[in-house]
Protein backbone atom coordinates (compact mmCIF):
# COMPACT_ATOMS: atom_id res chain seq x y z
CA MET A 1 -26.03 -21.01 12.84
CA LYS A 2 -25.29 -24.83 13.20
CA LYS A 3 -24.75 -24.59 8.79
CA LYS A 4 -22.12 -21.94 9.14
CA ILE A 5 -20.30 -23.26 12.43
CA LEU A 6 -20.07 -27.16 9.98
CA ILE A 7 -19.23 -25.10 7.23
CA ILE A 8 -16.25 -23.67 8.87
CA LEU A 9 -15.14 -26.69 9.97
CA SER A 10 -15.39 -28.52 7.04
CA SER A 11 -13.48 -25.83 4.80
CA ILE A 12 -10.59 -26.01 7.93
CA PHE A 13 -10.33 -29.78 7.96
CA MET A 14 -10.14 -29.61 4.44
CA PHE A 15 -7.47 -27.11 4.30
CA LEU A 16 -4.85 -29.14 7.19
CA ASN A 17 -5.81 -32.47 5.43
CA LEU A 18 -4.36 -30.63 2.54
CA GLU A 19 -1.51 -29.72 4.09
CA LEU A 20 -0.92 -32.69 5.90
CA GLN A 21 -0.85 -34.43 2.67
CA ALA A 22 1.50 -32.27 0.66
CA ALA A 23 4.07 -31.84 3.86
CA PRO A 24 5.99 -34.94 3.04
CA PHE A 25 6.13 -34.23 -0.45
CA SER A 26 8.32 -31.09 -0.13
CA TYR A 27 10.60 -32.93 2.12
CA TYR A 28 11.86 -35.08 -0.58
CA GLN A 29 12.07 -31.87 -2.57
CA VAL A 30 14.32 -30.25 -0.25
CA LEU A 31 16.37 -33.03 -0.15
CA GLY A 32 16.61 -33.68 -3.92
CA VAL A 33 15.46 -37.20 -3.71
CA SER A 34 12.30 -39.28 -5.01
CA GLN A 35 9.65 -39.75 -2.95
CA THR A 36 10.64 -43.70 -3.09
CA ALA A 37 14.31 -42.87 -1.84
CA THR A 38 15.55 -45.63 -0.26
CA ASP A 39 17.06 -44.36 3.31
CA ARG A 40 20.86 -44.47 2.08
CA GLU A 41 20.38 -42.15 -0.84
CA ILE A 42 18.00 -39.97 1.78
CA ILE A 43 20.88 -39.80 3.95
CA ASN A 44 23.76 -39.14 1.03
CA ALA A 45 21.52 -36.13 0.00
CA PHE A 46 21.51 -34.70 3.47
CA ARG A 47 25.46 -35.43 3.91
CA LYS A 48 26.14 -33.59 0.87
CA LEU A 49 23.53 -30.31 1.38
CA SER A 50 24.58 -30.34 4.80
CA LEU A 51 28.20 -29.91 3.80
CA LYS A 52 27.20 -27.21 1.49
CA TYR A 53 24.77 -25.21 3.36
CA HIS A 54 26.92 -25.39 6.38
CA PRO A 55 26.70 -22.66 8.61
CA ASP A 56 30.18 -22.85 9.66
CA LYS A 57 31.45 -22.64 6.02
CA ASN A 58 28.98 -19.61 5.19
CA ALA A 59 29.08 -17.65 8.47
CA GLY A 60 27.36 -14.74 8.17
CA ASN A 61 24.77 -15.81 5.39
CA LYS A 62 21.42 -15.90 6.66
CA GLU A 63 19.42 -17.08 3.64
CA VAL A 64 22.38 -20.58 3.53
CA GLU A 65 21.21 -20.88 7.40
CA GLU A 66 18.04 -20.79 6.86
CA LYS A 67 18.48 -23.23 4.03
CA TYR A 68 20.83 -25.81 6.39
CA LYS A 69 17.64 -25.78 9.12
CA GLU A 70 14.91 -26.98 6.03
CA ILE A 71 17.67 -29.38 5.15
CA THR A 72 17.57 -30.61 8.90
CA VAL A 73 14.31 -30.77 9.40
CA ALA A 74 13.23 -32.49 6.31
CA TYR A 75 16.25 -35.00 7.47
CA THR A 76 14.75 -35.17 11.12
CA VAL A 77 11.34 -35.84 9.05
CA LEU A 78 12.49 -38.25 6.61
CA SER A 79 14.84 -40.52 8.69
CA ASN A 80 11.65 -41.26 11.38
CA PRO A 81 8.80 -42.96 9.98
């Protein structure tokens, strides 16, 4: 019984660890910048994309609204180290 619990906990930890390691890379991809991007490059990419995907410019388009939310989350995470 203990061995099964240990295996399950180990699997969960491995899954969570992989998710945590993969998460920051996707934020860079969302903004279209490299992982070595400077703060200025991140800000510029956010501004460019937020203008393109802003809900006010694309009223009623749910896909664009979701993209804007992704961009905002990515910028928030990357701008707060």
